């Protein structure tokens, strides 16, 4: 997974009834856009994020 500052992260729920989490990449700490990322989540919390298979990135270049 690769991301850049401003990209959107979405984490899909792993279990039935789990909601999705959305956040914005504030910093990229890995080389060449690789994780970990500092993310500000929709609830206002910020933290380092190490994505797994349930996460997707919506790149700035993909938004219309």
PDB file of N, CA and C in Angstrom:
ATOM      1  N   UNK A   1       0.848  -1.168   0.000  1.00  0.00           N
ATOM      2  CA  UNK A   1       0.000   0.000   0.000  1.00  0.00           C
ATOM      3  C   UNK A   1       0.890   1.226   0.000  1.00  0.00           C
ATOM      4  N   UNK A   2       0.512   2.213  -0.798  1.00  0.00           N
ATOM      5  CA  UNK A   2       1.210   3.485  -0.825  1.00  0.00           C
ATOM      6  C   UNK A   2       0.197   4.600  -0.684  1.00  0.00           C
ATOM      7  N   UNK A   3       0.615   5.668   0.001  1.00  0.00           N
ATOM      8  CA  UNK A   3      -0.252   6.828   0.204  1.00  0.00           C
ATOM      9  C   UNK A   3       0.606   8.076   0.254  1.00  0.00           C
ATOM     10  N   UNK A   4      -0.061   9.208   0.146  1.00  0.00           N
ATOM     11  CA  UNK A   4       0.604  10.487   0.305  1.00  0.00           C
ATOM     12  C   UNK A   4      -0.251  11.369   1.198  1.00  0.00           C
ATOM     13  N   UNK A   5       0.358  12.433   1.694  1.00  0.00           N
ATOM     14  CA  UNK A   5      -0.360  13.354   2.587  1.00  0.00           C
ATOM     15  C   UNK A   5      -1.631  13.836   1.882  1.00  0.00           C
ATOM     16  N   UNK A   6      -2.740  13.786   2.603  1.00  0.00           N
ATOM     17  CA  UNK A   6      -4.031  14.213   2.074  1.00  0.00           C
ATOM     18  C   UNK A   6      -4.893  13.078   1.567  1.00  0.00           C
ATOM     19  N   UNK A   7      -4.296  11.914   1.322  1.00  0.00           N
ATOM     20  CA  UNK A   7      -5.090  10.776   0.870  1.00  0.00           C
ATOM     21  C   UNK A   7      -6.061  10.333   1.957  1.00  0.00           C
ATOM     22  N   UNK A   8      -7.114   9.680   1.521  1.00  0.00           N
ATOM     23  CA  UNK A   8      -8.150   9.187   2.419  1.00  0.00           C
ATOM     24  C   UNK A   8      -7.915   7.694   2.684  1.00  0.00           C
ATOM     25  N   UNK A   9      -8.017   7.311   3.948  1.00  0.00           N
ATOM     26  CA  UNK A   9      -7.911   5.903   4.347  1.00  0.00           C
ATOM     27  C   UNK A   9      -9.296   5.433   4.762  1.00  0.00           C
ATOM     28  N   UNK A  10      -9.699   4.256   4.299  1.00  0.00           N
ATOM     29  CA  UNK A  10     -10.951   3.662   4.752  1.00  0.00           C
ATOM     30  C   UNK A  10     -10.643   2.259   5.248  1.00  0.00           C
ATOM     31  N   UNK A  11     -11.091   1.969   6.456  1.00  0.00           N
ATOM     32  CA  UNK A  11     -10.925   0.642   7.037  1.00  0.00           C
ATOM     33  C   UNK A  11     -12.307   0.011   7.115  1.00  0.00           C
ATOM     34  N   UNK A  12     -12.460  -1.107   6.451  1.00  0.00           N
ATOM     35  CA  UNK A  12     -13.735  -1.813   6.407  1.00  0.00           C
ATOM     36  C   UNK A  12     -13.892  -2.653   7.665  1.00  0.00           C
ATOM     37  N   UNK A  13     -15.114  -2.768   8.161  1.00  0.00           N
ATOM     38  CA  UNK A  13     -15.364  -3.583   9.339  1.00  0.00           C
ATOM     39  C   UNK A  13     -14.996  -5.039   9.107  1.00  0.00           C
ATOM     40  N   UNK A  14     -14.439  -5.659  10.129  1.00  0.00           N
ATOM     41  CA  UNK A  14     -14.025  -7.060  10.018  1.00  0.00           C
ATOM     42  C   UNK A  14     -15.138  -8.029  10.386  1.00  0.00           C
ATOM     43  N   UNK A  15     -16.098  -7.572  11.163  1.00  0.00           N
ATOM     44  CA  UNK A  15     -17.176  -8.437  11.644  1.00  0.00           C
ATOM     45  C   UNK A  15     -18.520  -7.833  11.265  1.00  0.00           C
ATOM     46  N   UNK A  16     -19.530  -8.668  11.197  1.00  0.00           N
ATOM     47  CA  UNK A  16     -20.878  -8.196  10.912  1.00  0.00           C
ATOM     48  C   UNK A  16     -21.252  -7.138  11.941  1.00  0.00           C
ATOM     49  N   UNK A  17     -21.733  -6.010  11.471  1.00  0.00           N
ATOM     50  CA  UNK A  17     -22.139  -4.931  12.364  1.00  0.00           C
ATOM     51  C   UNK A  17     -21.050  -3.904  12.623  1.00  0.00           C
ATOM     52  N   UNK A  18     -19.801  -4.234  12.292  1.00  0.00           N
ATOM     53  CA  UNK A  18     -18.726  -3.252  12.430  1.00  0.00           C
ATOM     54  C   UNK A  18     -18.887  -2.181  11.358  1.00  0.00           C
ATOM     55  N   UNK A  19     -18.718  -0.961  11.746  1.00  0.00           N
ATOM     56  CA  UNK A  19     -18.773   0.133  10.786  1.00  0.00           C
ATOM     57  C   UNK A  19     -17.447   0.329  10.099  1.00  0.00           C
ATOM     58  N   UNK A  20     -17.431   1.267   9.174  1.00  0.00           N
ATOM     59  CA  UNK A  20     -16.191   1.641   8.503  1.00  0.00           C
ATOM     60  C   UNK A  20     -15.585   2.841   9.207  1.00  0.00           C
ATOM     61  N   UNK A  21     -14.263   2.924   9.160  1.00  0.00           N
ATOM     62  CA  UNK A  21     -13.552   4.083   9.694  1.00  0.00           C
ATOM     63  C   UNK A  21     -12.936   4.839   8.532  1.00  0.00           C
ATOM     64  N   UNK A  22     -13.035   6.163   8.599  1.00  0.00           N
ATOM     65  CA  UNK A  22     -12.434   7.010   7.573  1.00  0.00           C
ATOM     66  C   UNK A  22     -11.423   7.926   8.234  1.00  0.00           C
ATOM     67  N   UNK A  23     -10.348   8.202   7.522  1.00  0.00           N
ATOM     68  CA  UNK A  23      -9.354   9.122   8.031  1.00  0.00           C
ATOM     69  C   UNK A  23      -8.574   9.764   6.893  1.00  0.00           C
ATOM     70  N   UNK A  24      -7.772  10.764   7.255  1.00  0.00           N
ATOM     71  CA  UNK A  24      -6.944  11.487   6.307  1.00  0.00           C
ATOM     72  C   UNK A  24      -5.482  11.327   6.697  1.00  0.00           C
ATOM     73  N   UNK A  25      -4.642  11.032   5.725  1.00  0.00           N
ATOM     74  CA  UNK A  25      -3.212  10.873   5.974  1.00  0.00           C
ATOM     75  C   UNK A  25      -2.599  12.253   6.218  1.00  0.00           C
ATOM     76  N   UNK A  26      -1.987  12.412   7.395  1.00  0.00           N
ATOM     77  CA  UNK A  26      -1.322  13.659   7.752  1.00  0.00           C
ATOM     78  C   UNK A  26       0.176  13.606   7.486  1.00  0.00           C
ATOM     79  N   UNK A  27       0.778  12.426   7.697  1.00  0.00           N
ATOM     80  CA  UNK A  27       2.212  12.231   7.486  1.00  0.00           C
ATOM     81  C   UNK A  27       2.445  10.814   6.997  1.00  0.00           C
ATOM     82  N   UNK A  28       3.464  10.657   6.169  1.00  0.00           N
ATOM     83  CA  UNK A  28       3.894   9.340   5.701  1.00  0.00           C
ATOM     84  C   UNK A  28       5.267   9.084   6.311  1.00  0.00           C
ATOM     85  N   UNK A  29       5.392   8.012   7.088  1.00  0.00           N
ATOM     86  CA  UNK A  29       6.637   7.726   7.791  1.00  0.00           C
ATOM     87  C   UNK A  29       7.500   6.677   7.108  1.00  0.00           C
ATOM     88  N   UNK A  30       6.973   5.980   6.122  1.00  0.00           N
ATOM     89  CA  UNK A  30       7.744   4.977   5.399  1.00  0.00           C
ATOM     90  C   UNK A  30       8.362   5.561   4.138  1.00  0.00           C
ATOM     91  N   UNK A  31       9.259   4.815   3.545  1.00  0.00           N
ATOM     92  CA  UNK A  31       9.899   5.242   2.300  1.00  0.00           C
ATOM     93  C   UNK A  31       8.945   5.068   1.122  1.00  0.00           C
ATOM     94  N   UNK A  32       8.984   5.990   0.186  1.00  0.00           N
ATOM     95  CA  UNK A  32       8.209   5.900  -1.061  1.00  0.00           C
ATOM     96  C   UNK A  32       6.717   5.681  -0.837  1.00  0.00           C
ATOM     97  N   UNK A  33       6.143   6.352   0.162  1.00  0.00           N
ATOM     98  CA  UNK A  33       4.707   6.271   0.401  1.00  0.00           C
ATOM     99  C   UNK A  33       4.247   5.061   1.175  1.00  0.00           C
ATOM    100  N   UNK A  34       5.185   4.296   1.696  1.00  0.00           N
ATOM    101  CA  UNK A  34       4.836   3.091   2.458  1.00  0.00           C
ATOM    102  C   UNK A  34       4.475   3.450   3.899  1.00  0.00           C
ATOM    103  N   UNK A  35       3.703   2.583   4.573  1.00  0.00           N
ATOM    104  CA  UNK A  35       3.344   2.801   5.969  1.00  0.00           C
ATOM    105  C   UNK A  35       4.568   2.763   6.877  1.00  0.00           C
ATOM    106  N   UNK A  36       4.408   3.239   8.091  1.00  0.00           N
ATOM    107  CA  UNK A  36       3.166   3.670   8.736  1.00  0.00           C
ATOM    108  C   UNK A  36       2.790   5.094   8.346  1.00  0.00           C
ATOM    109  N   UNK A  37       1.515   5.421   8.603  1.00  0.00           N
ATOM    110  CA  UNK A  37       0.957   6.739   8.321  1.00  0.00           C
ATOM    111  C   UNK A  37       0.419   7.346   9.609  1.00  0.00           C
ATOM    112  N   UNK A  38       0.593   8.650   9.741  1.00  0.00           N
ATOM    113  CA  UNK A  38      -0.114   9.370  10.796  1.00  0.00           C
ATOM    114  C   UNK A  38      -1.449   9.770  10.199  1.00  0.00           C
ATOM    115  N   UNK A  39      -2.532   9.318  10.829  1.00  0.00           N
ATOM    116  CA  UNK A  39      -3.878   9.513  10.289  1.00  0.00           C
ATOM    117  C   UNK A  39      -4.733  10.260  11.296  1.00  0.00           C
ATOM    118  N   UNK A  40      -5.522  11.220  10.800  1.00  0.00           N
ATOM    119  CA  UNK A  40      -6.564  11.859  11.620  1.00  0.00           C
ATOM    120  C   UNK A  40      -7.878  11.210  11.214  1.00  0.00           C
ATOM    121  N   UNK A  41      -8.491  10.515  12.175  1.00  0.00           N
ATOM    122  CA  UNK A  41      -9.745   9.808  11.935  1.00  0.00           C
ATOM    123  C   UNK A  41     -10.912  10.764  12.035  1.00  0.00           C
ATOM    124  N   UNK A  42     -12.050  10.375  11.465  1.00  0.00           N
ATOM    125  CA  UNK A  42     -13.243  11.226  11.457  1.00  0.00           C
ATOM    126  C   UNK A  42     -13.691  11.651  12.846  1.00  0.00           C
ATOM    127  N   UNK A  43     -13.365  10.844  13.871  1.00  0.00           N
ATOM    128  CA  UNK A  43     -13.781  11.209  15.224  1.00  0.00           C
ATOM    129  C   UNK A  43     -12.815  12.204  15.870  1.00  0.00           C
ATOM    130  N   UNK A  44     -11.780  12.647  15.106  1.00  0.00           N
ATOM    131  CA  UNK A  44     -10.848  13.644  15.609  1.00  0.00           C
ATOM    132  C   UNK A  44      -9.566  13.084  16.190  1.00  0.00           C
ATOM    133  N   UNK A  45      -9.537  11.792  16.449  1.00  0.00           N
ATOM    134  CA  UNK A  45      -8.331  11.177  17.002  1.00  0.00           C
ATOM    135  C   UNK A  45      -7.258  11.053  15.926  1.00  0.00           C
ATOM    136  N   UNK A  46      -5.997  11.132  16.347  1.00  0.00           N
ATOM    137  CA  UNK A  46      -4.869  10.951  15.449  1.00  0.00           C
ATOM    138  C   UNK A  46      -3.990   9.837  15.989  1.00  0.00           C
ATOM    139  N   UNK A  47      -3.384   9.084  15.086  1.00  0.00           N
ATOM    140  CA  UNK A  47      -2.480   8.039  15.516  1.00  0.00           C
ATOM    141  C   UNK A  47      -1.761   7.408  14.349  1.00  0.00           C
ATOM    142  N   UNK A  48      -0.666   6.701  14.659  1.00  0.00           N
ATOM    143  CA  UNK A  48       0.059   5.961  13.638  1.00  0.00           C
ATOM    144  C   UNK A  48      -0.788   4.771  13.204  1.00  0.00           C
ATOM    145  N   UNK A  49      -0.821   4.542  11.925  1.00  0.00           N
ATOM    146  CA  UNK A  49      -1.651   3.488  11.357  1.00  0.00           C
ATOM    147  C   UNK A  49      -0.784   2.579  10.492  1.00  0.00           C
ATOM    148  N   UNK A  50      -0.870   1.294  10.760  1.00  0.00           N
ATOM    149  CA  UNK A  50      -0.196   0.254   9.999  1.00  0.00           C
ATOM    150  C   UNK A  50      -1.288  -0.539   9.291  1.00  0.00           C
ATOM    151  N   UNK A  51      -1.605  -0.249   8.022  1.00  0.00           N
ATOM    152  CA  UNK A  51      -2.737  -0.880   7.351  1.00  0.00           C
ATOM    153  C   UNK A  51      -2.577  -2.386   7.184  1.00  0.00           C
ATOM    154  N   UNK A  52      -3.737  -3.047   7.195  1.00  0.00           N
ATOM    155  CA  UNK A  52      -3.821  -4.477   6.927  1.00  0.00           C
ATOM    156  C   UNK A  52      -4.730  -4.668   5.720  1.00  0.00           C
ATOM    157  N   UNK A  53      -5.124  -5.879   5.459  1.00  0.00           N
ATOM    158  CA  UNK A  53      -5.920  -6.193   4.278  1.00  0.00           C
ATOM    159  C   UNK A  53      -7.294  -5.568   4.238  1.00  0.00           C
ATOM    160  N   UNK A  54      -7.779  -5.060   5.374  1.00  0.00           N
ATOM    161  CA  UNK A  54      -9.118  -4.475   5.417  1.00  0.00           C
ATOM    162  C   UNK A  54      -9.108  -2.970   5.168  1.00  0.00           C
ATOM    163  N   UNK A  55      -7.966  -2.413   4.739  1.00  0.00           N
ATOM    164  CA  UNK A  55      -7.852  -0.978   4.521  1.00  0.00           C
ATOM    165  C   UNK A  55      -7.633  -0.673   3.041  1.00  0.00           C
ATOM    166  N   UNK A  56      -8.181   0.447   2.601  1.00  0.00           N
ATOM    167  CA  UNK A  56      -7.961   0.928   1.245  1.00  0.00           C
ATOM    168  C   UNK A  56      -7.588   2.406   1.302  1.00  0.00           C
ATOM    169  N   UNK A  57      -6.911   2.866   0.254  1.00  0.00           N
ATOM    170  CA  UNK A  57      -6.507   4.267   0.137  1.00  0.00           C
ATOM    171  C   UNK A  57      -7.192   4.875  -1.061  1.00  0.00           C
ATOM    172  N   UNK A  58      -7.745   6.051  -0.865  1.00  0.00           N
ATOM    173  CA  UNK A  58      -8.266   6.837  -1.993  1.00  0.00           C
ATOM    174  C   UNK A  58      -7.291   7.980  -2.182  1.00  0.00           C
ATOM    175  N   UNK A  59      -6.567   7.930  -3.276  1.00  0.00           N
ATOM    176  CA  UNK A  59      -5.521   8.886  -3.549  1.00  0.00           C
ATOM    177  C   UNK A  59      -6.095  10.239  -3.959  1.00  0.00           C
ATOM    178  N   UNK A  60      -5.344  11.285  -3.665  1.00  0.00           N
ATOM    179  CA  UNK A  60      -5.724  12.625  -4.128  1.00  0.00           C
ATOM    180  C   UNK A  60      -5.923  12.652  -5.620  1.00  0.00           C
ATOM    181  N   UNK A  61      -5.113  11.915  -6.352  1.00  0.00           N
ATOM    182  CA  UNK A  61      -5.201  11.903  -7.808  1.00  0.00           C
ATOM    183  C   UNK A  61      -6.456  11.194  -8.312  1.00  0.00           C
ATOM    184  N   UNK A  62      -7.123  10.402  -7.449  1.00  0.00           N
ATOM    185  CA  UNK A  62      -8.343   9.694  -7.845  1.00  0.00           C
ATOM    186  C   UNK A  62      -9.592  10.534  -7.606  1.00  0.00           C
ATOM    187  N   UNK A  63      -9.484  11.585  -6.777  1.00  0.00           N
ATOM    188  CA  UNK A  63     -10.683  12.376  -6.491  1.00  0.00           C
ATOM    189  C   UNK A  63     -10.923  13.332  -7.641  1.00  0.00           C
ATOM    190  N   UNK A  64     -12.206  13.572  -7.868  1.00  0.00           N
ATOM    191  CA  UNK A  64     -12.572  14.360  -9.026  1.00  0.00           C
ATOM    192  C   UNK A  64     -12.549  15.767  -8.765  1.00  0.00           C
TER     193      UNK A  64
END
